[in-house]
PDB file of N, CA and C in Angstrom:
ATOM      1  N   MET A   1      -5.501 -12.250  63.209  1.00  0.00           N
ATOM      2  CA  MET A   1      -5.703 -10.966  62.554  1.00  0.00           C
ATOM      3  C   MET A   1      -5.294 -11.094  61.094  1.00  0.00           C
ATOM      4  N   GLY A   2      -6.209 -10.800  60.202  1.00  0.00           N
ATOM      5  CA  GLY A   2      -5.963 -10.927  58.775  1.00  0.00           C
ATOM      6  C   GLY A   2      -5.377  -9.660  58.179  1.00  0.00           C
ATOM      7  N   MET A   3      -4.858  -9.805  57.011  1.00  0.00           N
ATOM      8  CA  MET A   3      -4.242  -8.689  56.322  1.00  0.00           C
ATOM      9  C   MET A   3      -4.788  -8.676  54.896  1.00  0.00           C
ATOM     10  N   ARG A   4      -5.125  -7.530  54.372  1.00  0.00           N
ATOM     11  CA  ARG A   4      -5.670  -7.453  53.023  1.00  0.00           C
ATOM     12  C   ARG A   4      -4.788  -6.546  52.176  1.00  0.00           C
ATOM     13  N   VAL A   5      -4.428  -7.053  51.040  1.00  0.00           N
ATOM     14  CA  VAL A   5      -3.664  -6.268  50.087  1.00  0.00           C
ATOM     15  C   VAL A   5      -4.593  -6.013  48.925  1.00  0.00           C
ATOM     16  N   GLY A   6      -4.814  -4.776  48.595  1.00  0.00           N
ATOM     17  CA  GLY A   6      -5.732  -4.492  47.500  1.00  0.00           C
ATOM     18  C   GLY A   6      -5.733  -3.023  47.166  1.00  0.00           C
ATOM     19  N   GLY A   7      -6.694  -2.613  46.400  1.00  0.00           N
ATOM     20  CA  GLY A   7      -6.808  -1.226  46.009  1.00  0.00           C
ATOM     21  C   GLY A   7      -8.132  -1.015  45.313  1.00  0.00           C
ATOM     22  N   SER A   8      -8.355   0.196  44.871  1.00  0.00           N
ATOM     23  CA  SER A   8      -9.603   0.503  44.195  1.00  0.00           C
ATOM     24  C   SER A   8      -9.634  -0.147  42.816  1.00  0.00           C
ATOM     25  N   ASN A   9     -10.840  -0.329  42.311  1.00  0.00           N
ATOM     26  CA  ASN A   9     -10.981  -0.905  40.972  1.00  0.00           C
ATOM     27  C   ASN A   9     -10.309  -0.043  39.919  1.00  0.00           C
ATOM     28  N   ALA A  10     -10.384   1.273  40.060  1.00  0.00           N
ATOM     29  CA  ALA A  10      -9.755   2.180  39.104  1.00  0.00           C
ATOM     30  C   ALA A  10      -8.238   2.011  39.122  1.00  0.00           C
ATOM     31  N   ALA A  11      -7.675   1.846  40.320  1.00  0.00           N
ATOM     32  CA  ALA A  11      -6.222   1.662  40.433  1.00  0.00           C
ATOM     33  C   ALA A  11      -5.807   0.341  39.799  1.00  0.00           C
ATOM     34  N   TRP A  12      -6.594  -0.709  40.052  1.00  0.00           N
ATOM     35  CA  TRP A  12      -6.282  -2.013  39.453  1.00  0.00           C
ATOM     36  C   TRP A  12      -6.404  -1.937  37.933  1.00  0.00           C
ATOM     37  N   ALA A  13      -7.422  -1.262  37.425  1.00  0.00           N
ATOM     38  CA  ALA A  13      -7.618  -1.146  35.985  1.00  0.00           C
ATOM     39  C   ALA A  13      -6.460  -0.392  35.346  1.00  0.00           C
ATOM     40  N   SER A  14      -6.020   0.673  35.994  1.00  0.00           N
ATOM     41  CA  SER A  14      -4.897   1.450  35.487  1.00  0.00           C
ATOM     42  C   SER A  14      -3.626   0.618  35.469  1.00  0.00           C
ATOM     43  N   GLN A  15      -3.413  -0.125  36.541  1.00  0.00           N
ATOM     44  CA  GLN A  15      -2.227  -0.968  36.634  1.00  0.00           C
ATOM     45  C   GLN A  15      -2.286  -2.085  35.590  1.00  0.00           C
ATOM     46  N   ALA A  16      -3.452  -2.682  35.413  1.00  0.00           N
ATOM     47  CA  ALA A  16      -3.613  -3.743  34.422  1.00  0.00           C
ATOM     48  C   ALA A  16      -3.357  -3.211  33.015  1.00  0.00           C
ATOM     49  N   SER A  17      -3.797  -1.998  32.747  1.00  0.00           N
ATOM     50  CA  SER A  17      -3.575  -1.383  31.445  1.00  0.00           C
ATOM     51  C   SER A  17      -2.087  -1.133  31.209  1.00  0.00           C
ATOM     52  N   ALA A  18      -1.398  -0.670  32.235  1.00  0.00           N
ATOM     53  CA  ALA A  18       0.038  -0.430  32.123  1.00  0.00           C
ATOM     54  C   ALA A  18       0.788  -1.735  31.874  1.00  0.00           C
ATOM     55  N   VAL A  19       0.405  -2.777  32.584  1.00  0.00           N
ATOM     56  CA  VAL A  19       1.040  -4.086  32.403  1.00  0.00           C
ATOM     57  C   VAL A  19       0.773  -4.599  30.994  1.00  0.00           C
ATOM     58  N   SER A  20      -0.444  -4.446  30.518  1.00  0.00           N
ATOM     59  CA  SER A  20      -0.791  -4.896  29.179  1.00  0.00           C
ATOM     60  C   SER A  20       0.039  -4.160  28.130  1.00  0.00           C
ATOM     61  N   GLY A  21       0.187  -2.860  28.282  1.00  0.00           N
ATOM     62  CA  GLY A  21       1.006  -2.071  27.359  1.00  0.00           C
ATOM     63  C   GLY A  21       2.457  -2.517  27.377  1.00  0.00           C
ATOM     64  N   TRP A  22       2.962  -2.790  28.571  1.00  0.00           N
ATOM     65  CA  TRP A  22       4.336  -3.257  28.716  1.00  0.00           C
ATOM     66  C   TRP A  22       4.501  -4.609  28.035  1.00  0.00           C
ATOM     67  N   GLN A  23       3.529  -5.508  28.236  1.00  0.00           N
ATOM     68  CA  GLN A  23       3.599  -6.825  27.626  1.00  0.00           C
ATOM     69  C   GLN A  23       3.564  -6.732  26.099  1.00  0.00           C
ATOM     70  N   GLN A  24       2.756  -5.814  25.578  1.00  0.00           N
ATOM     71  CA  GLN A  24       2.687  -5.632  24.132  1.00  0.00           C
ATOM     72  C   GLN A  24       4.018  -5.121  23.586  1.00  0.00           C
ATOM     73  N   ARG A  25       4.642  -4.184  24.300  1.00  0.00           N
ATOM     74  CA  ARG A  25       5.950  -3.669  23.876  1.00  0.00           C
ATOM     75  C   ARG A  25       7.002  -4.777  23.916  1.00  0.00           C
ATOM     76  N   GLN A  26       6.950  -5.588  24.967  1.00  0.00           N
ATOM     77  CA  GLN A  26       7.897  -6.698  25.091  1.00  0.00           C
ATOM     78  C   GLN A  26       7.728  -7.669  23.925  1.00  0.00           C
ATOM     79  N   GLN A  27       6.483  -8.007  23.602  1.00  0.00           N
ATOM     80  CA  GLN A  27       6.229  -8.944  22.507  1.00  0.00           C
ATOM     81  C   GLN A  27       6.647  -8.341  21.175  1.00  0.00           C
ATOM     82  N   SER A  28       6.369  -7.063  20.962  1.00  0.00           N
ATOM     83  CA  SER A  28       6.773  -6.402  19.717  1.00  0.00           C
ATOM     84  C   SER A  28       8.283  -6.409  19.571  1.00  0.00           C
ATOM     85  N   THR A  29       8.992  -6.175  20.678  1.00  0.00           N
ATOM     86  CA  THR A  29      10.454  -6.184  20.655  1.00  0.00           C
ATOM     87  C   THR A  29      10.966  -7.587  20.351  1.00  0.00           C
ATOM     88  N   LYS A  30      10.367  -8.593  20.989  1.00  0.00           N
ATOM     89  CA  LYS A  30      10.772  -9.983  20.724  1.00  0.00           C
ATOM     90  C   LYS A  30      10.546 -10.339  19.259  1.00  0.00           C
ATOM     91  N   ASP A  31       9.401  -9.925  18.714  1.00  0.00           N
ATOM     92  CA  ASP A  31       9.100 -10.202  17.304  1.00  0.00           C
ATOM     93  C   ASP A  31      10.138  -9.546  16.392  1.00  0.00           C
ATOM     94  N   LEU A  32      10.494  -8.312  16.705  1.00  0.00           N
ATOM     95  CA  LEU A  32      11.481  -7.584  15.907  1.00  0.00           C
ATOM     96  C   LEU A  32      12.824  -8.296  15.948  1.00  0.00           C
ATOM     97  N   PHE A  33      13.290  -8.639  17.137  1.00  0.00           N
ATOM     98  CA  PHE A  33      14.589  -9.297  17.265  1.00  0.00           C
ATOM     99  C   PHE A  33      14.575 -10.683  16.627  1.00  0.00           C
ATOM    100  N   ALA A  34      13.460 -11.387  16.719  1.00  0.00           N
ATOM    101  CA  ALA A  34      13.364 -12.718  16.107  1.00  0.00           C
ATOM    102  C   ALA A  34      13.494 -12.625  14.589  1.00  0.00           C
ATOM    103  N   THR A  35      12.848 -11.637  13.988  1.00  0.00           N
ATOM    104  CA  THR A  35      12.941 -11.488  12.534  1.00  0.00           C
ATOM    105  C   THR A  35      14.346 -11.070  12.122  1.00  0.00           C
ATOM    106  N   LEU A  36      14.981 -10.234  12.939  1.00  0.00           N
ATOM    107  CA  LEU A  36      16.362  -9.844  12.646  1.00  0.00           C
ATOM    108  C   LEU A  36      17.290 -11.043  12.761  1.00  0.00           C
ATOM    109  N   ASN A  37      17.124 -11.834  13.819  1.00  0.00           N
ATOM    110  CA  ASN A  37      17.958 -13.020  14.011  1.00  0.00           C
ATOM    111  C   ASN A  37      17.778 -14.017  12.877  1.00  0.00           C
ATOM    112  N   ALA A  38      16.596 -14.038  12.278  1.00  0.00           N
ATOM    113  CA  ALA A  38      16.317 -14.942  11.161  1.00  0.00           C
ATOM    114  C   ALA A  38      16.822 -14.376   9.833  1.00  0.00           C
ATOM    115  N   GLY A  39      17.277 -13.123   9.844  1.00  0.00           N
ATOM    116  CA  GLY A  39      17.757 -12.498   8.618  1.00  0.00           C
ATOM    117  C   GLY A  39      16.643 -12.080   7.681  1.00  0.00           C
ATOM    118  N   ASP A  40      15.472 -11.831   8.233  1.00  0.00           N
ATOM    119  CA  ASP A  40      14.274 -11.498   7.457  1.00  0.00           C
ATOM    120  C   ASP A  40      14.090  -9.973   7.431  1.00  0.00           C
ATOM    121  N   LEU A  41      14.633  -9.330   6.401  1.00  0.00           N
ATOM    122  CA  LEU A  41      14.564  -7.869   6.309  1.00  0.00           C
ATOM    123  C   LEU A  41      13.127  -7.377   6.234  1.00  0.00           C
ATOM    124  N   ALA A  42      12.322  -7.960   5.363  1.00  0.00           N
ATOM    125  CA  ALA A  42      10.924  -7.512   5.209  1.00  0.00           C
ATOM    126  C   ALA A  42      10.151  -7.721   6.508  1.00  0.00           C
ATOM    127  N   GLY A  43      10.356  -8.861   7.161  1.00  0.00           N
ATOM    128  CA  GLY A  43       9.692  -9.128   8.434  1.00  0.00           C
ATOM    129  C   GLY A  43      10.130  -8.164   9.516  1.00  0.00           C
ATOM    130  N   ALA A  44      11.420  -7.839   9.545  1.00  0.00           N
ATOM    131  CA  ALA A  44      11.943  -6.902  10.540  1.00  0.00           C
ATOM    132  C   ALA A  44      11.393  -5.502  10.301  1.00  0.00           C
ATOM    133  N   GLN A  45      11.293  -5.107   9.043  1.00  0.00           N
ATOM    134  CA  GLN A  45      10.722  -3.798   8.722  1.00  0.00           C
ATOM    135  C   GLN A  45       9.270  -3.724   9.181  1.00  0.00           C
ATOM    136  N   LYS A  46       8.538  -4.790   8.948  1.00  0.00           N
ATOM    137  CA  LYS A  46       7.133  -4.836   9.358  1.00  0.00           C
ATOM    138  C   LYS A  46       7.018  -4.821  10.891  1.00  0.00           C
ATOM    139  N   ALA A  47       7.860  -5.611  11.561  1.00  0.00           N
ATOM    140  CA  ALA A  47       7.844  -5.661  13.029  1.00  0.00           C
ATOM    141  C   ALA A  47       8.236  -4.313  13.627  1.00  0.00           C
ATOM    142  N   PHE A  48       9.218  -3.649  13.009  1.00  0.00           N
ATOM    143  CA  PHE A  48       9.619  -2.330  13.506  1.00  0.00           C
ATOM    144  C   PHE A  48       8.493  -1.321  13.316  1.00  0.00           C
ATOM    145  N   ALA A  49       7.828  -1.364  12.187  1.00  0.00           N
ATOM    146  CA  ALA A  49       6.717  -0.436  11.932  1.00  0.00           C
ATOM    147  C   ALA A  49       5.616  -0.628  12.971  1.00  0.00           C
ATOM    148  N   ALA A  50       5.329  -1.876  13.312  1.00  0.00           N
ATOM    149  CA  ALA A  50       4.306  -2.157  14.335  1.00  0.00           C
ATOM    150  C   ALA A  50       4.759  -1.633  15.692  1.00  0.00           C
ATOM    151  N   PHE A  51       6.026  -1.827  16.018  1.00  0.00           N
ATOM    152  CA  PHE A  51       6.562  -1.337  17.294  1.00  0.00           C
ATOM    153  C   PHE A  51       6.526   0.186  17.334  1.00  0.00           C
ATOM    154  N   ALA A  52       6.972   0.818  16.257  1.00  0.00           N
ATOM    155  CA  ALA A  52       7.050   2.281  16.201  1.00  0.00           C
ATOM    156  C   ALA A  52       5.675   2.932  16.255  1.00  0.00           C
ATOM    157  N   ALA A  53       4.654   2.234  15.770  1.00  0.00           N
ATOM    158  CA  ALA A  53       3.304   2.800  15.754  1.00  0.00           C
ATOM    159  C   ALA A  53       2.763   3.053  17.154  1.00  0.00           C
ATOM    160  N   SER A  54       3.237   2.269  18.122  1.00  0.00           N
ATOM    161  CA  SER A  54       2.706   2.433  19.482  1.00  0.00           C
ATOM    162  C   SER A  54       3.755   2.893  20.485  1.00  0.00           C
ATOM    163  N   ASN A  55       4.904   3.336  20.005  1.00  0.00           N
ATOM    164  CA  ASN A  55       5.973   3.787  20.897  1.00  0.00           C
ATOM    165  C   ASN A  55       6.617   5.047  20.361  1.00  0.00           C
ATOM    166  N   ASN A  56       7.018   5.901  21.255  1.00  0.00           N
ATOM    167  CA  ASN A  56       7.720   7.125  20.899  1.00  0.00           C
ATOM    168  C   ASN A  56       9.208   6.804  20.827  1.00  0.00           C
ATOM    169  N   ILE A  57       9.739   6.762  19.627  1.00  0.00           N
ATOM    170  CA  ILE A  57      11.134   6.385  19.439  1.00  0.00           C
ATOM    171  C   ILE A  57      11.932   7.615  19.025  1.00  0.00           C
ATOM    172  N   LYS A  58      12.965   7.918  19.790  1.00  0.00           N
ATOM    173  CA  LYS A  58      13.843   9.041  19.454  1.00  0.00           C
ATOM    174  C   LYS A  58      14.807   8.584  18.374  1.00  0.00           C
ATOM    175  N   SER A  59      15.000   9.432  17.377  1.00  0.00           N
ATOM    176  CA  SER A  59      15.819   9.053  16.230  1.00  0.00           C
ATOM    177  C   SER A  59      17.274   8.773  16.605  1.00  0.00           C
ATOM    178  N   ASP A  60      17.772   9.393  17.685  1.00  0.00           N
ATOM    179  CA  ASP A  60      19.165   9.183  18.074  1.00  0.00           C
ATOM    180  C   ASP A  60      19.338   8.034  19.067  1.00  0.00           C
ATOM    181  N   SER A  61      18.240   7.360  19.431  1.00  0.00           N
ATOM    182  CA  SER A  61      18.319   6.219  20.339  1.00  0.00           C
ATOM    183  C   SER A  61      18.752   4.980  19.552  1.00  0.00           C
ATOM    184  N   PRO A  62      19.210   3.937  20.244  1.00  0.00           N
ATOM    185  CA  PRO A  62      19.547   2.702  19.521  1.00  0.00           C
ATOM    186  C   PRO A  62      18.370   2.162  18.707  1.00  0.00           C
ATOM    187  N   MET A  63      17.156   2.222  19.253  1.00  0.00           N
ATOM    188  CA  MET A  63      15.992   1.733  18.511  1.00  0.00           C
ATOM    189  C   MET A  63      15.742   2.620  17.292  1.00  0.00           C
ATOM    190  N   GLY A  64      15.953   3.914  17.425  1.00  0.00           N
ATOM    191  CA  GLY A  64      15.815   4.822  16.286  1.00  0.00           C
ATOM    192  C   GLY A  64      16.842   4.533  15.206  1.00  0.00           C
ATOM    193  N   GLN A  65      18.071   4.244  15.633  1.00  0.00           N
ATOM    194  CA  GLN A  65      19.129   3.898  14.676  1.00  0.00           C
ATOM    195  C   GLN A  65      18.824   2.571  13.991  1.00  0.00           C
ATOM    196  N   LEU A  66      18.266   1.625  14.747  1.00  0.00           N
ATOM    197  CA  LEU A  66      17.883   0.343  14.174  1.00  0.00           C
ATOM    198  C   LEU A  66      16.818   0.568  13.095  1.00  0.00           C
ATOM    199  N   GLY A  67      15.847   1.418  13.410  1.00  0.00           N
ATOM    200  CA  GLY A  67      14.793   1.734  12.441  1.00  0.00           C
ATOM    201  C   GLY A  67      15.338   2.377  11.182  1.00  0.00           C
ATOM    202  N   LYS A  68      16.315   3.278  11.332  1.00  0.00           N
ATOM    203  CA  LYS A  68      16.934   3.914  10.158  1.00  0.00           C
ATOM    204  C   LYS A  68      17.637   2.871   9.296  1.00  0.00           C
ATOM    205  N   SER A  69      18.344   1.943   9.950  1.00  0.00           N
ATOM    206  CA  SER A  69      19.032   0.889   9.203  1.00  0.00           C
ATOM    207  C   SER A  69      18.033   0.046   8.430  1.00  0.00           C
ATOM    208  N   LEU A  70      16.923  -0.301   9.070  1.00  0.00           N
ATOM    209  CA  LEU A  70      15.900  -1.096   8.396  1.00  0.00           C
ATOM    210  C   LEU A  70      15.283  -0.320   7.239  1.00  0.00           C
ATOM    211  N   GLN A  71      15.038   0.963   7.464  1.00  0.00           N
ATOM    212  CA  GLN A  71      14.446   1.802   6.422  1.00  0.00           C
ATOM    213  C   GLN A  71      15.373   1.874   5.204  1.00  0.00           C
ATOM    214  N   ASN A  72      16.687   1.879   5.466  1.00  0.00           N
ATOM    215  CA  ASN A  72      17.669   1.934   4.383  1.00  0.00           C
ATOM    216  C   ASN A  72      17.952   0.557   3.778  1.00  0.00           C
ATOM    217  N   GLY A  73      17.315  -0.493   4.326  1.00  0.00           N
ATOM    218  CA  GLY A  73      17.521  -1.835   3.808  1.00  0.00           C
ATOM    219  C   GLY A  73      18.845  -2.449   4.221  1.00  0.00           C
ATOM    220  N   ASP A  74      19.474  -1.900   5.250  1.00  0.00           N
ATOM    221  CA  ASP A  74      20.778  -2.371   5.718  1.00  0.00           C
ATOM    222  C   ASP A  74      20.584  -3.383   6.851  1.00  0.00           C
ATOM    223  N   LEU A  75      20.336  -4.628   6.473  1.00  0.00           N
ATOM    224  CA  LEU A  75      20.068  -5.682   7.446  1.00  0.00           C
ATOM    225  C   LEU A  75      21.265  -5.933   8.359  1.00  0.00           C
ATOM    226  N   ALA A  76      22.474  -5.912   7.806  1.00  0.00           N
ATOM    227  CA  ALA A  76      23.677  -6.177   8.603  1.00  0.00           C
ATOM    228  C   ALA A  76      23.827  -5.144   9.721  1.00  0.00           C
ATOM    229  N   ALA A  77      23.616  -3.875   9.413  1.00  0.00           N
ATOM    230  CA  ALA A  77      23.728  -2.827  10.435  1.00  0.00           C
ATOM    231  C   ALA A  77      22.621  -2.978  11.475  1.00  0.00           C
ATOM    232  N   ALA A  78      21.417  -3.301  11.032  1.00  0.00           N
ATOM    233  CA  ALA A  78      20.288  -3.482  11.955  1.00  0.00           C
ATOM    234  C   ALA A  78      20.562  -4.651  12.902  1.00  0.00           C
ATOM    235  N   GLU A  79      21.105  -5.750  12.351  1.00  0.00           N
ATOM    236  CA  GLU A  79      21.425  -6.913  13.187  1.00  0.00           C
ATOM    237  C   GLU A  79      22.483  -6.559  14.226  1.00  0.00           C
ATOM    238  N   LYS A  80      23.473  -5.793  13.823  1.00  0.00           N
ATOM    239  CA  LYS A  80      24.554  -5.394  14.739  1.00  0.00           C
ATOM    240  C   LYS A  80      24.002  -4.520  15.873  1.00  0.00           C
ATOM    241  N   ILE A  81      23.141  -3.580  15.537  1.00  0.00           N
ATOM    242  CA  ILE A  81      22.518  -2.719  16.549  1.00  0.00           C
ATOM    243  C   ILE A  81      21.665  -3.556  17.489  1.00  0.00           C
ATOM    244  N   ALA A  82      20.881  -4.473  16.935  1.00  0.00           N
ATOM    245  CA  ALA A  82      20.009  -5.323  17.751  1.00  0.00           C
ATOM    246  C   ALA A  82      20.835  -6.185  18.703  1.00  0.00           C
ATOM    247  N   GLN A  83      21.930  -6.749  18.221  1.00  0.00           N
ATOM    248  CA  GLN A  83      22.797  -7.564  19.075  1.00  0.00           C
ATOM    249  C   GLN A  83      23.365  -6.734  20.218  1.00  0.00           C
ATOM    250  N   SER A  84      23.763  -5.520  19.915  1.00  0.00           N
ATOM    251  CA  SER A  84      24.287  -4.622  20.945  1.00  0.00           C
ATOM    252  C   SER A  84      23.209  -4.277  21.969  1.00  0.00           C
ATOM    253  N   MET A  85      21.984  -4.039  21.482  1.00  0.00           N
ATOM    254  CA  MET A  85      20.877  -3.723  22.386  1.00  0.00           C
ATOM    255  C   MET A  85      20.576  -4.903  23.302  1.00  0.00           C
ATOM    256  N   GLN A  86      20.567  -6.110  22.743  1.00  0.00           N
ATOM    257  CA  GLN A  86      20.279  -7.301  23.540  1.00  0.00           C
ATOM    258  C   GLN A  86      21.365  -7.540  24.575  1.00  0.00           C
ATOM    259  N   LYS A  87      22.612  -7.333  24.189  1.00  0.00           N
ATOM    260  CA  LYS A  87      23.729  -7.518  25.111  1.00  0.00           C
ATOM    261  C   LYS A  87      23.650  -6.503  26.245  1.00  0.00           C
ATOM    262  N   ASN A  88      23.410  -5.240  25.903  1.00  0.00           N
ATOM    263  CA  ASN A  88      23.316  -4.185  26.922  1.00  0.00           C
ATOM    264  C   ASN A  88      22.130  -4.404  27.841  1.00  0.00           C
ATOM    265  N   ARG A  89      21.038  -4.907  27.291  1.00  0.00           N
ATOM    266  CA  ARG A  89      19.830  -5.132  28.085  1.00  0.00           C
ATOM    267  C   ARG A  89      20.049  -6.222  29.125  1.00  0.00           C
ATOM    268  N   SER A  90      20.776  -7.259  28.764  1.00  0.00           N
ATOM    269  CA  SER A  90      20.963  -8.371  29.700  1.00  0.00           C
ATOM    270  C   SER A  90      22.014  -8.086  30.754  1.00  0.00           C
ATOM    271  N   THR A  91      22.859  -7.068  30.530  1.00  0.00           N
ATOM    272  CA  THR A  91      23.912  -6.766  31.500  1.00  0.00           C
ATOM    273  C   THR A  91      23.722  -5.431  32.213  1.00  0.00           C
ATOM    274  N   SER A  92      22.643  -4.732  31.933  1.00  0.00           N
ATOM    275  CA  SER A  92      22.455  -3.416  32.543  1.00  0.00           C
ATOM    276  C   SER A  92      22.066  -3.537  34.017  1.00  0.00           C
ATOM    277  N   PRO A  93      22.479  -2.577  34.849  1.00  0.00           N
ATOM    278  CA  PRO A  93      22.095  -2.600  36.261  1.00  0.00           C
ATOM    279  C   PRO A  93      20.583  -2.552  36.454  1.00  0.00           C
ATOM    280  N   VAL A  94      19.867  -1.841  35.595  1.00  0.00           N
ATOM    281  CA  VAL A  94      18.411  -1.763  35.705  1.00  0.00           C
ATOM    282  C   VAL A  94      17.816  -3.145  35.469  1.00  0.00           C
ATOM    283  N   SER A  95      18.338  -3.867  34.479  1.00  0.00           N
ATOM    284  CA  SER A  95      17.851  -5.213  34.195  1.00  0.00           C
ATOM    285  C   SER A  95      18.122  -6.139  35.367  1.00  0.00           C
ATOM    286  N   ALA A  96      19.311  -6.047  35.932  1.00  0.00           N
ATOM    287  CA  ALA A  96      19.657  -6.888  37.079  1.00  0.00           C
ATOM    288  C   ALA A  96      18.742  -6.593  38.260  1.00  0.00           C
ATOM    289  N   GLN A  97      18.454  -5.306  38.492  1.00  0.00           N
ATOM    290  CA  GLN A  97      17.571  -4.930  39.595  1.00  0.00           C
ATOM    291  C   GLN A  97      16.156  -5.425  39.339  1.00  0.00           C
ATOM    292  N   ALA A  98      15.677  -5.300  38.110  1.00  0.00           N
ATOM    293  CA  ALA A  98      14.325  -5.774  37.776  1.00  0.00           C
ATOM    294  C   ALA A  98      14.228  -7.277  37.968  1.00  0.00           C
ATOM    295  N   ASN A  99      15.254  -8.006  37.557  1.00  0.00           N
ATOM    296  CA  ASN A  99      15.238  -9.454  37.740  1.00  0.00           C
ATOM    297  C   ASN A  99      15.222  -9.816  39.210  1.00  0.00           C
ATOM    298  N   ALA A 100      15.983  -9.096  40.024  1.00  0.00           N
ATOM    299  CA  ALA A 100      16.002  -9.364  41.462  1.00  0.00           C
ATOM    300  C   ALA A 100      14.636  -9.090  42.072  1.00  0.00           C
ATOM    301  N   GLN A 101      13.998  -7.997  41.655  1.00  0.00           N
ATOM    302  CA  GLN A 101      12.677  -7.667  42.188  1.00  0.00           C
ATOM    303  C   GLN A 101      11.644  -8.695  41.753  1.00  0.00           C
ATOM    304  N   ASN A 102      11.726  -9.169  40.510  1.00  0.00           N
ATOM    305  CA  ASN A 102      10.792 -10.189  40.036  1.00  0.00           C
ATOM    306  C   ASN A 102      10.927 -11.469  40.837  1.00  0.00           C
ATOM    307  N   ASN A 103      12.132 -11.796  41.248  1.00  0.00           N
ATOM    308  CA  ASN A 103      12.351 -13.005  42.036  1.00  0.00           C
ATOM    309  C   ASN A 103      11.821 -12.849  43.453  1.00  0.00           C
ATOM    310  N   GLN A 104      11.667 -11.611  43.929  1.00  0.00           N
ATOM    311  CA  GLN A 104      11.187 -11.376  45.282  1.00  0.00           C
ATOM    312  C   GLN A 104       9.668 -11.457  45.381  1.00  0.00           C
ATOM    313  N   VAL A 105       8.965 -11.227  44.288  1.00  0.00           N
ATOM    314  CA  VAL A 105       7.502 -11.181  44.326  1.00  0.00           C
ATOM    315  C   VAL A 105       6.898 -12.471  44.878  1.00  0.00           C
ATOM    316  N   PRO A 106       7.294 -13.655  44.387  1.00  0.00           N
ATOM    317  CA  PRO A 106       6.684 -14.872  44.930  1.00  0.00           C
ATOM    318  C   PRO A 106       6.920 -15.033  46.427  1.00  0.00           C
ATOM    319  N   SER A 107       8.109 -14.653  46.909  1.00  0.00           N
ATOM    320  CA  SER A 107       8.388 -14.822  48.334  1.00  0.00           C
ATOM    321  C   SER A 107       7.552 -13.853  49.175  1.00  0.00           C
ATOM    322  N   VAL A 108       7.299 -12.661  48.680  1.00  0.00           N
ATOM    323  CA  VAL A 108       6.468 -11.702  49.403  1.00  0.00           C
ATOM    324  C   VAL A 108       5.031 -12.203  49.454  1.00  0.00           C
ATOM    325  N   LEU A 109       4.533 -12.722  48.312  1.00  0.00           N
ATOM    326  CA  LEU A 109       3.164 -13.254  48.297  1.00  0.00           C
ATOM    327  C   LEU A 109       3.042 -14.447  49.234  1.00  0.00           C
ATOM    328  N   SER A 110       4.034 -15.316  49.238  1.00  0.00           N
ATOM    329  CA  SER A 110       4.008 -16.470  50.142  1.00  0.00           C
ATOM    330  C   SER A 110       3.985 -16.022  51.592  1.00  0.00           C
ATOM    331  N   MET A 111       4.769 -14.997  51.903  1.00  0.00           N
ATOM    332  CA  MET A 111       4.814 -14.490  53.267  1.00  0.00           C
ATOM    333  C   MET A 111       3.445 -13.942  53.672  1.00  0.00           C
ATOM    334  N   LEU A 112       2.824 -13.174  52.782  1.00  0.00           N
ATOM    335  CA  LEU A 112       1.524 -12.597  53.097  1.00  0.00           C
ATOM    336  C   LEU A 112       0.470 -13.687  53.263  1.00  0.00           C
ATOM    337  N   ARG A 113       0.499 -14.670  52.394  1.00  0.00           N
ATOM    338  CA  ARG A 113      -0.459 -15.765  52.502  1.00  0.00           C
ATOM    339  C   ARG A 113      -0.241 -16.558  53.778  1.00  0.00           C
ATOM    340  N   GLY A 114       1.024 -16.750  54.153  1.00  0.00           N
ATOM    341  CA  GLY A 114       1.361 -17.501  55.356  1.00  0.00           C
ATOM    342  C   GLY A 114       0.881 -16.831  56.622  1.00  0.00           C
ATOM    343  N   GLN A 115       0.673 -15.516  56.576  1.00  0.00           N
ATOM    344  CA  GLN A 115       0.203 -14.776  57.741  1.00  0.00           C
ATOM    345  C   GLN A 115      -1.317 -14.675  57.744  1.00  0.00           C
ATOM    346  N   GLY A 116      -1.970 -15.437  56.897  1.00  0.00           N
ATOM    347  CA  GLY A 116      -3.432 -15.440  56.882  1.00  0.00           C
ATOM    348  C   GLY A 116      -4.023 -14.272  56.127  1.00  0.00           C
ATOM    349  N   GLY A 117      -3.197 -13.586  55.366  1.00  0.00           N
ATOM    350  CA  GLY A 117      -3.704 -12.422  54.630  1.00  0.00           C
ATOM    351  C   GLY A 117      -4.364 -12.837  53.340  1.00  0.00           C
ATOM    352  N   GLN A 118      -5.238 -11.999  52.864  1.00  0.00           N
ATOM    353  CA  GLN A 118      -5.891 -12.219  51.579  1.00  0.00           C
ATOM    354  C   GLN A 118      -5.119 -11.419  50.542  1.00  0.00           C
ATOM    355  N   VAL A 119      -4.690 -12.076  49.505  1.00  0.00           N
ATOM    356  CA  VAL A 119      -3.923 -11.418  48.470  1.00  0.00           C
ATOM    357  C   VAL A 119      -4.664 -11.565  47.152  1.00  0.00           C
ATOM    358  N   ASN A 120      -4.991 -10.439  46.538  1.00  0.00           N
ATOM    359  CA  ASN A 120      -5.657 -10.459  45.242  1.00  0.00           C
ATOM    360  C   ASN A 120      -4.584 -10.264  44.188  1.00  0.00           C
ATOM    361  N   VAL A 121      -4.465 -11.183  43.248  1.00  0.00           N
ATOM    362  CA  VAL A 121      -3.450 -11.096  42.218  1.00  0.00           C
ATOM    363  C   VAL A 121      -4.142 -11.146  40.856  1.00  0.00           C
ATOM    364  N   LEU A 122      -3.784 -10.194  39.995  1.00  0.00           N
ATOM    365  CA  LEU A 122      -4.320 -10.198  38.638  1.00  0.00           C
ATOM    366  C   LEU A 122      -3.516 -11.179  37.809  1.00  0.00           C
ATOM    367  N   ALA A 123      -4.179 -11.994  37.079  1.00  0.00           N
ATOM    368  CA  ALA A 123      -3.459 -12.977  36.232  1.00  0.00           C
ATOM    369  C   ALA A 123      -3.339 -12.466  34.834  1.00  0.00           C
TER     370      ALA A 123
END
C-alpha cells in the first residue's frame, strides 16, 4: 500500500512563494551583517535600504534601531546592535526549535520513502 504526500498546485505555489520570500529576507539579512562585519558603512546603508524596501520594520525593533544608527552614520552603534541581534538569534528558543525541526525533515522523508510512499519535494 503506497502513500502519497502532496497538495494542490495552488498550495504548492503559495508555499514556494513564501519560501522564496523567506530566502530573500535571509539573504538580505546576511548581506547586511556581512557589510557591518566588514566595517563598510556605505555598503551597510545600501543593504539596509534593500532589506527595508521589502520588509515592514518597526522603528522600536532592533532592526529599526540598527537602521536609525546607519541613517545617522553611527557604524559602531550599528555593529553593536547587529552583534546583539546575531547573538540573540543563535540562542533563542525559537531558533533552537527551528533547528530541531529542520533536522527532523530528512528523517521524516526517509521514513516515508522507506514505506513505499511517493514524496514530492520542491527544490
